[in-house]
């Protein structure tokens, strides 16, 4: 009997050691799972209502089983409580409020109890293993990891990472890459998500950071921080661009990334399945960086629209197709690299555009200011494009134009201001015809032109405006990078906010919406007082 017990104890400890080693979890967790299983089996044997505890010695396998009871004056639960008289039989000197340990004899595991205990232990071990996996990988997002392809399910690649499994979803794979079971594969840990069935480790081979990390492994200067990758853009499996800068003037960042006879960049290209990589010098000057990003095309000039956050690039006529690239790939990658929307125009297109704008602005000044064509064209040539500029520019600047004097400048400003008043009156009449209420005109930063735009968008009352979110009101419209006469299919434009074309800031948009909502709160104190009055009268009667 003693030998059997000893063998059983030794077997328990051996199982605990084996499971802890195999699953790479703490032995204490396995011992705790065994204790929990024994407690469940004991409750089945002695009664589920009892508070039964088990303790398994991790060194020698000695098992103790006991029931915990509370000493009370009046027993409500006979399974977990005992009166003072009964308690003193169990333990001499017991007092009210004490918790007593009532030892129980060992239990024999039947087939059902053994199966239940086994399931409990397996569940506890699985939970501990999942927690260990999550703790191991949760802070490793952004690292490159090597694994073995375990299987491919519905186009998603499941990778064995040794202590866990990761998945490369279809949209995170390099297109047309052939992957077979048991292939070794490198990927970027994109994110780790805790889920009931265990941590989900999402991997990627298509993310730009995967390329960055590969360069850091191949180029010691990047790993040491001497060279920095400031921006990266990829068309996975086809082409990529990276912008690099050196913090040591004696080191050429592009040359260091290319390596001797292209050895460094070729190692990255090979891992990325032949993806062509353009290594570009990064520059804090936006125009310079855009010119570099559009390589190998030559750029004639760059025009930056700060207000709309767009860049217009003019290239020689014979460089247009090179600047755009096959299916717009070159300009698309350049746009991603610079985080700017880029329009590509040929010099012919640019000249025609400038000529059209010149004629349009000249006609506006000629009609609105009632001046001859020569004077209107002179204003446009001097950089004036809108009536507001003429109306409110410093008088000296206007009078300083060759052929102008102070009297002419004052007359032009007076006519411009009158033209703006006429325009505002016409807009006021139009927005009233649209049914836009006058209360909206009192909001901060609001103009008659904005009110007309709101009316056309069916926003006619304070409540209509108050119901909008800030981005619905002022967010600018976004477009994909494009070129003139581009017949390639385009993505739909982002609609933007109702007043997105007026250049309002987020703070201004918030202020307008809050001002529109102000009337919602004006009646609250009065309403609160009305609600409080009956209670006050009731209190007085009391």
Protein backbone atom coordinates (compact mmCIF):
# COMPACT_ATOMS: atom_id res chain seq x y z
CA UNK A 1 0.00 0.00 0.00
CA UNK A 2 2.75 2.38 0.99
CA UNK A 3 4.68 1.50 -2.15
CA UNK A 4 1.62 2.17 -4.27
CA UNK A 5 1.07 5.56 -2.68
CA UNK A 6 4.70 6.48 -3.16
CA UNK A 7 4.59 5.42 -6.80
CA UNK A 8 1.42 7.45 -7.31
CA UNK A 9 3.00 10.50 -5.73
CA UNK A 10 6.11 10.11 -7.84
CA UNK A 11 3.96 9.75 -10.94
CA UNK A 12 2.08 13.00 -10.16
CA UNK A 13 5.30 14.95 -9.80
CA UNK A 14 6.74 13.36 -12.96
CA UNK A 15 3.62 14.37 -14.92
CA UNK A 16 3.83 17.93 -13.58
CA UNK A 17 7.49 18.21 -14.54
CA UNK A 18 6.87 16.76 -18.00
CA UNK A 19 3.93 19.04 -18.83
CA UNK A 20 5.72 22.17 -17.53
CA UNK A 21 8.79 21.34 -19.62
CA UNK A 22 6.86 20.46 -22.78
CA UNK A 23 4.57 23.52 -22.71
CA UNK A 24 7.31 25.83 -21.36
CA UNK A 25 5.16 27.09 -18.52
CA UNK A 26 5.84 27.36 -14.80
CA UNK A 27 5.62 24.05 -12.89
CA UNK A 28 3.60 25.84 -10.20
CA UNK A 29 0.80 26.45 -12.73
CA UNK A 30 0.61 22.72 -13.48
CA UNK A 31 0.58 21.87 -9.74
CA UNK A 32 -2.20 24.46 -9.26
CA UNK A 33 -4.19 22.85 -12.10
CA UNK A 34 -3.80 19.44 -10.46
CA UNK A 35 -4.95 20.82 -7.11
CA UNK A 36 -7.99 22.37 -8.79
CA UNK A 37 -8.82 19.04 -10.46
CA UNK A 38 -8.51 17.18 -7.14
CA UNK A 39 -10.76 19.77 -5.42
CA UNK A 40 -13.43 19.30 -8.09
CA UNK A 41 -13.27 15.52 -7.74
CA UNK A 42 -13.48 15.81 -3.92
CA UNK A 43 -16.57 18.02 -4.17
CA UNK A 44 -18.16 15.39 -6.41
CA UNK A 45 -17.38 12.79 -3.73
CA UNK A 46 -18.26 14.74 -0.57
CA UNK A 47 -20.73 17.33 -1.87
CA UNK A 48 -20.56 20.35 -4.21
CA UNK A 49 -21.73 22.68 -1.42
CA UNK A 50 -18.58 22.19 0.65
CA UNK A 51 -15.55 24.48 0.63
CA UNK A 52 -12.91 21.84 -0.04
CA UNK A 53 -9.21 22.63 -0.52
CA UNK A 54 -6.36 20.46 -1.80
CA UNK A 55 -2.61 20.94 -1.49
CA UNK A 56 -0.06 18.97 -3.49
CA UNK A 57 3.57 19.18 -2.37
CA UNK A 58 5.62 19.94 -5.54
CA UNK A 59 8.68 18.16 -4.13
CA UNK A 60 7.47 14.81 -2.80
CA UNK A 61 3.91 14.60 -4.17
CA UNK A 62 2.32 14.52 -0.68
CA UNK A 63 -1.41 15.34 -1.03
CA UNK A 64 -3.53 16.91 1.74
CA UNK A 65 -7.29 17.36 1.51
CA UNK A 66 -9.46 19.34 3.95
CA UNK A 67 -12.75 21.14 4.38
CA UNK A 68 -12.92 24.75 5.62
CA UNK A 69 -15.79 25.71 7.96
CA UNK A 70 -16.61 28.99 9.68
CA UNK A 71 -17.49 29.12 13.40
CA UNK A 72 -20.82 30.96 13.79
CA UNK A 73 -23.41 31.45 16.51
CA UNK A 74 -26.37 30.36 14.35
CA UNK A 75 -25.74 27.95 11.50
CA UNK A 76 -27.34 28.87 8.15
CA UNK A 77 -25.23 26.61 5.91
CA UNK A 78 -24.44 23.22 7.46
CA UNK A 79 -21.82 22.52 4.77
CA UNK A 80 -19.68 25.62 5.32
CA UNK A 81 -20.55 26.63 8.89
CA UNK A 82 -20.45 25.05 12.35
CA UNK A 83 -21.72 26.24 15.74
CA UNK A 84 -19.38 26.91 18.64
CA UNK A 85 -20.06 23.56 20.34
CA UNK A 86 -19.32 21.55 17.22
CA UNK A 87 -16.27 23.68 16.48
CA UNK A 88 -14.73 22.95 19.87
CA UNK A 89 -15.01 19.24 19.09
CA UNK A 90 -12.99 19.82 15.97
CA UNK A 91 -10.47 22.15 17.57
CA UNK A 92 -10.08 22.97 21.21
CA UNK A 93 -10.27 26.67 21.96
CA UNK A 94 -12.19 27.55 18.78
CA UNK A 95 -14.02 30.89 18.92
CA UNK A 96 -16.75 32.62 16.95
CA UNK A 97 -15.48 33.95 13.64
CA UNK A 98 -12.65 31.40 13.31
CA UNK A 99 -12.17 29.32 10.18
CA UNK A 100 -11.37 25.70 10.98
CA UNK A 101 -9.65 23.06 8.90
CA UNK A 102 -11.43 19.72 8.91
CA UNK A 103 -9.12 17.06 7.37
CA UNK A 104 -10.69 14.69 4.85
CA UNK A 105 -9.54 11.18 3.90
CA UNK A 106 -7.96 10.69 0.43
CA UNK A 107 -10.34 9.91 -2.41
CA UNK A 108 -10.18 7.21 -5.04
CA UNK A 109 -10.56 8.48 -8.62
CA UNK A 110 -13.16 6.63 -10.62
CA UNK A 111 -13.27 6.73 -14.43
CA UNK A 112 -15.59 9.76 -14.58
CA UNK A 113 -13.69 11.69 -11.89
CA UNK A 114 -10.38 10.91 -13.58
CA UNK A 115 -11.70 12.14 -16.96
CA UNK A 116 -13.06 15.34 -15.39
CA UNK A 117 -9.75 15.93 -13.59
CA UNK A 118 -7.88 15.40 -16.85
CA UNK A 119 -10.05 17.95 -18.67
CA UNK A 120 -9.58 20.50 -15.87
CA UNK A 121 -5.81 20.10 -15.97
CA UNK A 122 -5.71 20.37 -19.78
CA UNK A 123 -7.86 23.54 -19.74
CA UNK A 124 -5.70 25.18 -17.07
CA UNK A 125 -2.53 24.28 -18.94
CA UNK A 126 -3.97 25.60 -22.23
CA UNK A 127 -4.96 28.88 -20.59
CA UNK A 128 -1.48 29.22 -19.05
CA UNK A 129 0.16 28.43 -22.39
CA UNK A 130 -1.95 31.07 -24.19
CA UNK A 131 -1.11 33.66 -21.55
CA UNK A 132 2.58 32.79 -21.85
CA UNK A 133 2.41 33.19 -25.63
CA UNK A 134 0.70 36.57 -25.35
CA UNK A 135 3.20 37.85 -22.77
CA UNK A 136 6.08 36.70 -24.96
CA UNK A 137 4.89 38.38 -28.16
CA UNK A 138 2.80 41.37 -27.01
CA UNK A 139 5.78 43.78 -26.97
CA UNK A 140 7.43 42.47 -30.13
CA UNK A 141 5.29 44.27 -32.72
CA UNK A 142 7.60 45.76 -35.35
CA UNK A 143 10.20 42.97 -35.13
CA UNK A 144 11.18 40.62 -37.93
CA UNK A 145 10.74 36.96 -37.03
CA UNK A 146 11.60 33.74 -38.87
CA UNK A 147 9.21 30.80 -38.88
CA UNK A 148 8.24 27.70 -40.81
CA UNK A 149 5.15 27.53 -43.03
CA UNK A 150 2.80 25.11 -41.29
CA UNK A 151 -0.20 25.23 -43.61
CA UNK A 152 -2.09 27.47 -46.04
CA UNK A 153 -5.78 28.04 -45.29
CA UNK A 154 -8.07 29.99 -47.65
CA UNK A 155 -5.08 31.91 -48.96
CA UNK A 156 -3.79 32.80 -45.46
CA UNK A 157 -0.38 31.43 -44.45
CA UNK A 158 -0.08 29.91 -40.97
CA UNK A 159 3.50 30.13 -39.69
CA UNK A 160 5.01 28.08 -36.86
CA UNK A 161 7.03 30.51 -34.74
CA UNK A 162 8.32 27.86 -32.36
CA UNK A 163 6.37 28.79 -29.24
CA UNK A 164 3.30 30.07 -31.06
CA UNK A 165 1.64 30.36 -34.43
CA UNK A 166 1.31 33.47 -36.57
CA UNK A 167 -0.75 34.20 -39.66
CA UNK A 168 0.11 36.14 -42.81
CA UNK A 169 -3.22 37.23 -44.21
CA UNK A 170 -3.72 37.37 -47.94
CA UNK A 171 -3.50 41.18 -48.07
CA UNK A 172 -0.23 41.09 -46.10
CA UNK A 173 1.53 38.75 -48.55
CA UNK A 174 3.73 39.64 -51.50
CA UNK A 175 1.57 39.09 -54.62
CA UNK A 176 2.46 36.09 -56.76
CA UNK A 177 4.89 34.77 -54.13
CA UNK A 178 4.86 30.96 -54.08
CA UNK A 179 4.96 29.54 -50.53
CA UNK A 180 5.06 25.84 -49.68
CA UNK A 181 4.59 23.92 -46.45
CA UNK A 182 7.85 23.60 -44.44
CA UNK A 183 9.42 26.65 -46.18
CA UNK A 184 11.31 28.98 -43.86
CA UNK A 185 9.87 32.48 -44.09
CA UNK A 186 10.71 35.88 -42.62
CA UNK A 187 7.98 38.37 -41.79
CA UNK A 188 7.17 41.43 -39.71
CA UNK A 189 5.16 41.08 -36.50
CA UNK A 190 2.38 43.52 -37.30
CA UNK A 191 0.28 43.23 -34.14
CA UNK A 192 -0.62 40.80 -31.36
CA UNK A 193 -4.26 40.56 -30.28
CA UNK A 194 -5.52 38.75 -27.16
CA UNK A 195 -8.49 36.51 -27.99
CA UNK A 196 -10.38 33.71 -26.20
CA UNK A 197 -8.90 31.02 -28.40
CA UNK A 198 -5.41 32.32 -27.74
CA UNK A 199 -3.27 35.25 -28.91
CA UNK A 200 -3.57 36.06 -32.61
CA UNK A 201 -0.18 37.07 -34.03
CA UNK A 202 -0.60 38.90 -37.33
CA UNK A 203 2.43 38.93 -39.62
CA UNK A 204 3.17 40.86 -42.81
CA UNK A 205 5.59 40.73 -45.73
CA UNK A 206 3.90 43.60 -47.61
CA UNK A 207 4.18 46.38 -45.02
CA UNK A 208 6.76 49.16 -45.66
CA UNK A 209 8.21 48.55 -42.19
CA UNK A 210 9.19 45.03 -43.30
CA UNK A 211 11.49 46.60 -45.89
CA UNK A 212 12.84 49.06 -43.30
CA UNK A 213 13.71 46.25 -40.88
CA UNK A 214 15.38 44.24 -43.65
CA UNK A 215 17.60 47.22 -44.47
CA UNK A 216 18.43 47.58 -40.77
CA UNK A 217 19.61 43.96 -40.78
CA UNK A 218 21.70 44.40 -43.93
CA UNK A 219 23.08 47.92 -43.34
CA UNK A 220 25.02 48.34 -40.06
CA UNK A 221 24.86 52.13 -40.34
CA UNK A 222 21.04 51.99 -40.17
CA UNK A 223 21.13 49.61 -37.21
CA UNK A 224 23.58 51.97 -35.42
CA UNK A 225 21.43 55.04 -36.15
CA UNK A 226 24.01 56.77 -38.36
CA UNK A 227 21.67 56.49 -41.34
CA UNK A 228 17.92 56.89 -40.86
CA UNK A 229 15.09 55.76 -43.12
CA UNK A 230 12.76 58.76 -42.94
CA UNK A 231 10.03 57.44 -45.25
CA UNK A 232 9.12 54.30 -47.16
CA UNK A 233 6.47 53.33 -49.71
CA UNK A 234 5.80 49.99 -51.40
CA UNK A 235 3.86 48.42 -54.21
CA UNK A 236 4.50 44.89 -52.85
CA UNK A 237 6.20 42.52 -55.29
CA UNK A 238 6.75 45.25 -57.88
CA UNK A 239 8.49 48.42 -56.73
CA UNK A 240 9.39 50.40 -53.62
CA UNK A 241 10.95 53.72 -52.62
CA UNK A 242 12.77 54.69 -49.43
CA UNK A 243 13.99 58.12 -48.33
CA UNK A 244 17.25 58.03 -46.36
CA UNK A 245 19.36 60.63 -44.58
CA UNK A 246 22.80 60.42 -42.97
CA UNK A 247 23.56 61.97 -39.60
CA UNK A 248 27.28 61.80 -40.45
CA UNK A 249 28.29 64.10 -43.29
CA UNK A 250 31.16 61.78 -44.26
CA UNK A 251 28.80 58.89 -45.05
CA UNK A 252 26.72 58.77 -48.22
CA UNK A 253 23.33 57.33 -47.19
CA UNK A 254 22.41 56.07 -50.66
CA UNK A 255 25.79 54.42 -51.24
CA UNK A 256 25.75 52.78 -47.81
CA UNK A 257 22.32 51.26 -48.48
CA UNK A 258 23.33 50.04 -51.95
CA UNK A 259 26.55 48.44 -50.69
CA UNK A 260 29.57 47.17 -52.56
CA UNK A 261 28.41 46.21 -56.07
CA UNK A 262 24.83 46.43 -54.79
CA UNK A 263 25.28 43.56 -52.32
CA UNK A 264 23.22 45.10 -49.51
CA UNK A 265 20.23 46.22 -51.54
CA UNK A 266 20.28 42.95 -53.52
CA UNK A 267 19.93 40.97 -50.28
CA UNK A 268 16.77 42.95 -49.49
CA UNK A 269 15.49 42.66 -53.07
CA UNK A 270 15.95 38.89 -52.98
CA UNK A 271 13.98 38.57 -49.73
CA UNK A 272 11.21 40.72 -51.25
CA UNK A 273 10.90 38.50 -54.32
CA UNK A 274 12.68 40.80 -56.78
CA UNK A 275 10.89 44.01 -55.78
CA UNK A 276 12.77 46.94 -57.35
CA UNK A 277 13.85 49.51 -54.75
CA UNK A 278 14.61 53.18 -55.40
CA UNK A 279 16.86 54.63 -52.67
CA UNK A 280 16.33 58.38 -52.49
CA UNK A 281 18.11 61.11 -50.47
CA UNK A 282 15.61 62.54 -48.00
CA UNK A 283 15.38 66.33 -47.66
CA UNK A 284 13.51 68.54 -45.17
CA UNK A 285 12.68 70.80 -48.13
CA UNK A 286 9.43 69.47 -49.56
CA UNK A 287 10.12 70.56 -53.14
CA UNK A 288 13.57 68.97 -53.18
CA UNK A 289 12.25 65.73 -51.70
CA UNK A 290 9.43 65.57 -54.27
CA UNK A 291 11.95 66.03 -57.09
CA UNK A 292 14.05 63.19 -55.64
CA UNK A 293 11.01 60.98 -55.07
CA UNK A 294 9.95 61.19 -58.73
CA UNK A 295 13.27 59.77 -59.93
CA UNK A 296 14.20 58.65 -62.53
CA UNK A 297 12.08 61.38 -64.16
CA UNK A 298 13.46 64.90 -64.51
CA UNK A 299 11.36 67.70 -63.00
CA UNK A 300 11.23 71.22 -64.43
CA UNK A 301 9.62 72.93 -61.43
CA UNK A 302 7.48 72.30 -58.35
CA UNK A 303 4.56 74.43 -57.18
CA UNK A 304 3.34 73.84 -53.60
CA UNK A 305 -0.23 74.66 -52.57
CA UNK A 306 0.04 74.96 -48.78
CA UNK A 307 -3.68 75.61 -48.32
CA UNK A 308 -4.87 72.44 -50.07
CA UNK A 309 -1.75 70.45 -49.14
CA UNK A 310 -1.14 69.56 -52.79
CA UNK A 311 1.91 69.72 -55.01
CA UNK A 312 1.90 70.49 -58.72
CA UNK A 313 4.91 69.08 -60.53
CA UNK A 314 5.80 70.26 -64.04
CA UNK A 315 7.91 67.94 -66.19
CA UNK A 316 9.18 68.18 -69.78
CA UNK A 317 6.74 66.74 -72.29
CA UNK A 318 8.99 63.74 -73.04
CA UNK A 319 9.27 62.89 -69.30
CA UNK A 320 5.54 62.58 -68.60
CA UNK A 321 5.21 58.82 -68.96
CA UNK A 322 8.42 58.25 -66.95
CA UNK A 323 7.22 60.51 -64.12
CA UNK A 324 3.84 58.80 -63.95
CA UNK A 325 5.20 55.28 -64.32
CA UNK A 326 3.40 52.13 -65.40
CA UNK A 327 -0.24 52.40 -64.28
CA UNK A 328 0.66 55.50 -62.27
CA UNK A 329 3.03 53.54 -60.02
CA UNK A 330 5.88 56.08 -59.86
CA UNK A 331 3.76 59.09 -58.95
CA UNK A 332 1.67 56.99 -56.54
CA UNK A 333 4.75 55.81 -54.63
CA UNK A 334 6.18 59.33 -54.63
CA UNK A 335 2.92 60.61 -53.17
CA UNK A 336 2.99 57.96 -50.42
CA UNK A 337 6.66 58.70 -49.72
CA UNK A 338 6.15 62.45 -49.35
CA UNK A 339 2.65 62.21 -47.82
CA UNK A 340 1.49 64.81 -50.35
CA UNK A 341 -1.05 64.70 -53.16
CA UNK A 342 0.89 65.20 -56.41
CA UNK A 343 -0.42 66.47 -59.75
CA UNK A 344 1.81 65.83 -62.78
CA UNK A 345 1.64 68.31 -65.65
CA UNK A 346 3.71 68.69 -68.78
CA UNK A 347 5.21 72.10 -69.55
CA UNK A 348 2.62 72.47 -72.31
CA UNK A 349 -0.23 71.67 -69.88
CA UNK A 350 1.23 74.05 -67.29
CA UNK A 351 1.53 76.85 -69.82
CA UNK A 352 -2.06 76.35 -70.96
CA UNK A 353 -3.26 76.25 -67.34
CA UNK A 354 -1.44 79.46 -66.44
CA UNK A 355 -2.76 81.14 -69.57
CA UNK A 356 -6.32 80.08 -68.74
CA UNK A 357 -5.97 81.37 -65.15
CA UNK A 358 -4.47 84.63 -66.47
CA UNK A 359 -7.42 85.16 -68.83
CA UNK A 360 -9.98 84.21 -66.16
CA UNK A 361 -8.52 86.58 -63.52
CA UNK A 362 -8.12 89.36 -66.08
CA UNK A 363 -11.77 89.03 -67.10
CA UNK A 364 -12.85 89.10 -63.43
CA UNK A 365 -10.96 92.34 -62.75
CA UNK A 366 -12.10 93.86 -66.03
CA UNK A 367 -15.77 93.19 -65.28
CA UNK A 368 -15.86 93.74 -61.52
CA UNK A 369 -13.57 96.80 -61.36
CA UNK A 370 -14.81 98.31 -64.65
CA UNK A 371 -11.27 98.81 -66.00
CA UNK A 372 -9.78 98.23 -69.44
CA UNK A 373 -8.08 94.97 -70.46
CA UNK A 374 -4.55 96.37 -70.16
CA UNK A 375 -5.01 97.48 -66.53
CA UNK A 376 -6.67 94.19 -65.61
CA UNK A 377 -3.82 92.18 -67.12
CA UNK A 378 -1.27 94.37 -65.34
CA UNK A 379 -2.88 93.54 -61.98
CA UNK A 380 -2.76 89.80 -62.74
CA UNK A 381 0.85 90.06 -63.89
CA UNK A 382 1.71 91.65 -60.53
CA UNK A 383 0.34 88.58 -58.72
CA UNK A 384 -3.21 89.69 -57.85
CA UNK A 385 -5.76 86.93 -58.40
CA UNK A 386 -8.78 87.82 -56.23
CA UNK A 387 -10.83 90.93 -55.51
CA UNK A 388 -10.10 90.61 -51.77
CA UNK A 389 -6.39 91.07 -52.48
CA UNK A 390 -7.01 94.31 -54.35
CA UNK A 391 -9.55 95.58 -51.78
CA UNK A 392 -7.46 95.05 -48.66
CA UNK A 393 -3.81 95.12 -49.73
CA UNK A 394 -1.64 97.92 -48.35
CA UNK A 395 -2.24 101.03 -50.44
CA UNK A 396 1.53 101.58 -50.91
CA UNK A 397 1.90 98.15 -52.49
CA UNK A 398 -0.82 98.85 -55.01
CA UNK A 399 0.42 102.38 -55.73
CA UNK A 400 3.97 101.04 -56.18
CA UNK A 401 3.06 99.18 -59.36
CA UNK A 402 4.72 100.78 -62.37
CA UNK A 403 2.31 103.22 -64.01
CA UNK A 404 0.07 103.46 -60.90
CA UNK A 405 -0.26 106.38 -58.53
CA UNK A 406 -1.98 106.81 -55.15
CA UNK A 407 -5.22 108.17 -56.67
CA UNK A 408 -5.53 105.19 -59.03
CA UNK A 409 -4.75 102.77 -56.19
CA UNK A 410 -7.45 104.32 -53.97
CA UNK A 411 -9.96 104.18 -56.85
CA UNK A 412 -9.18 100.51 -57.52
CA UNK A 413 -9.54 99.62 -53.83
CA UNK A 414 -12.85 101.51 -53.64
CA UNK A 415 -14.19 99.68 -56.72
CA UNK A 416 -12.97 96.34 -55.38
CA UNK A 417 -14.73 96.90 -52.05
CA UNK A 418 -17.93 97.92 -53.86
CA UNK A 419 -17.69 94.77 -56.01
CA UNK A 420 -17.31 92.63 -52.89
CA UNK A 421 -20.36 94.32 -51.34
CA UNK A 422 -22.38 93.64 -54.51
CA UNK A 423 -21.25 90.01 -54.45
CA UNK A 424 -22.16 89.68 -50.75
CA UNK A 425 -25.61 91.23 -51.36
CA UNK A 426 -26.26 88.80 -54.20
CA UNK A 427 -25.15 85.90 -52.01
CA UNK A 428 -27.37 87.09 -49.15
CA UNK A 429 -30.37 87.17 -51.45
CA UNK A 430 -29.50 83.71 -52.80
CA UNK A 431 -29.13 82.10 -49.35
CA UNK A 432 -32.43 83.68 -48.17
CA UNK A 433 -34.08 82.28 -51.30
CA UNK A 434 -32.65 78.89 -50.27
CA UNK A 435 -34.37 79.27 -46.88
CA UNK A 436 -31.22 79.63 -44.71
CA UNK A 437 -32.24 81.38 -41.48
CA UNK A 438 -30.54 84.63 -40.40
CA UNK A 439 -29.41 83.11 -37.09
CA UNK A 440 -26.72 81.14 -38.95
CA UNK A 441 -25.22 84.41 -40.20
CA UNK A 442 -24.42 85.37 -36.59
CA UNK A 443 -22.07 82.41 -36.09
CA UNK A 444 -18.32 83.17 -35.88
CA UNK A 445 -16.31 83.04 -39.15
CA UNK A 446 -19.51 82.63 -41.18
CA UNK A 447 -19.71 84.41 -44.54
CA UNK A 448 -22.56 84.80 -47.03
CA UNK A 449 -20.72 82.50 -49.46
CA UNK A 450 -20.57 79.82 -46.76
CA UNK A 451 -24.27 80.29 -46.04
CA UNK A 452 -25.12 79.71 -49.72
CA UNK A 453 -23.02 76.52 -49.66
CA UNK A 454 -24.84 75.37 -46.50
CA UNK A 455 -28.22 76.10 -48.07
CA UNK A 456 -27.38 74.03 -51.14
CA UNK A 457 -26.43 71.19 -48.76
CA UNK A 458 -29.88 71.45 -47.06
CA UNK A 459 -28.39 72.89 -43.85
CA UNK A 460 -30.72 75.79 -43.12
CA UNK A 461 -31.14 76.08 -39.34
CA UNK A 462 -28.98 76.19 -36.22
CA UNK A 463 -30.10 72.67 -35.36
CA UNK A 464 -29.07 71.40 -38.80
CA UNK A 465 -25.56 72.77 -38.28
CA UNK A 466 -25.40 71.74 -34.62
CA UNK A 467 -26.03 68.11 -35.55
CA UNK A 468 -22.84 67.97 -37.64
CA UNK A 469 -19.48 66.64 -36.44
CA UNK A 470 -16.47 68.88 -37.01
CA UNK A 471 -15.04 66.78 -39.85
CA UNK A 472 -18.45 66.77 -41.56
CA UNK A 473 -18.32 70.56 -41.54
CA UNK A 474 -14.76 71.56 -42.37
CA UNK A 475 -12.69 68.53 -43.51
CA UNK A 476 -11.06 69.18 -46.86
CA UNK A 477 -11.76 67.04 -49.88
CA UNK A 478 -8.99 64.56 -50.66
CA UNK A 479 -8.01 63.30 -54.10
CA UNK A 480 -5.71 60.60 -55.35
CA UNK A 481 -2.50 61.79 -57.07
CA UNK A 482 -3.39 62.54 -60.65
CA UNK A 483 -2.21 64.04 -63.92
CA UNK A 484 -3.89 65.94 -66.67
CA UNK A 485 -5.61 63.86 -69.41
CA UNK A 486 -5.15 60.71 -67.36
CA UNK A 487 -7.50 58.06 -68.76
CA UNK A 488 -6.63 55.50 -66.09
CA UNK A 489 -9.47 54.65 -63.67
CA UNK A 490 -9.48 56.82 -60.58
CA UNK A 491 -10.74 56.10 -57.09
CA UNK A 492 -13.75 58.12 -55.95
CA UNK A 493 -12.85 61.44 -54.39
CA UNK A 494 -13.33 61.84 -50.64
CA UNK A 495 -16.32 64.17 -50.33
CA UNK A 496 -14.91 66.21 -47.45
CA UNK A 497 -16.85 68.57 -45.20
CA UNK A 498 -19.64 70.88 -46.35
CA UNK A 499 -17.39 73.92 -45.90
CA UNK A 500 -14.17 72.07 -46.72
CA UNK A 501 -13.32 74.45 -49.58
CA UNK A 502 -13.12 77.52 -47.30
CA UNK A 503 -9.91 76.62 -45.43
CA UNK A 504 -11.38 76.65 -41.92
CA UNK A 505 -9.25 75.16 -39.14
CA UNK A 506 -10.46 72.47 -36.78
CA UNK A 507 -10.61 75.00 -33.94
CA UNK A 508 -12.75 77.34 -36.03
CA UNK A 509 -15.05 74.47 -37.01
CA UNK A 510 -15.45 73.44 -33.37
CA UNK A 511 -16.25 77.04 -32.39
CA UNK A 512 -18.91 77.35 -35.09
CA UNK A 513 -20.62 74.09 -34.08
CA UNK A 514 -20.54 74.94 -30.36
CA UNK A 515 -22.03 78.37 -31.09
CA UNK A 516 -24.80 76.65 -33.09
CA UNK A 517 -25.50 74.36 -30.13
CA UNK A 518 -25.57 77.17 -27.56
CA UNK A 519 -29.37 77.59 -27.78
CA UNK A 520 -29.79 73.98 -26.67
CA UNK A 521 -28.57 74.91 -23.20
CA UNK A 522 -30.21 78.31 -22.76
CA UNK A 523 -33.48 76.85 -21.39
CA UNK A 524 -31.87 74.30 -19.08
CA UNK A 525 -31.72 76.48 -15.90
CA UNK A 526 -35.33 77.57 -16.35
CA UNK A 527 -36.43 74.00 -16.94
CA UNK A 528 -34.53 72.87 -13.87
CA UNK A 529 -36.23 75.59 -11.81
CA UNK A 530 -39.68 74.53 -13.03
CA UNK A 531 -38.94 70.95 -12.14
CA UNK A 532 -37.64 71.95 -8.72
CA UNK A 533 -40.60 74.20 -7.82
CA UNK A 534 -43.11 71.46 -6.91
CA UNK A 535 -40.53 69.76 -4.75
CA UNK A 536 -39.80 73.06 -3.00
CA UNK A 537 -43.49 73.65 -2.36
CA UNK A 538 -43.87 70.11 -1.05
CA UNK A 539 -40.94 70.67 1.31
CA UNK A 540 -42.54 73.90 2.55
CA UNK A 541 -45.77 72.06 3.29
CA UNK A 542 -43.84 69.43 5.23
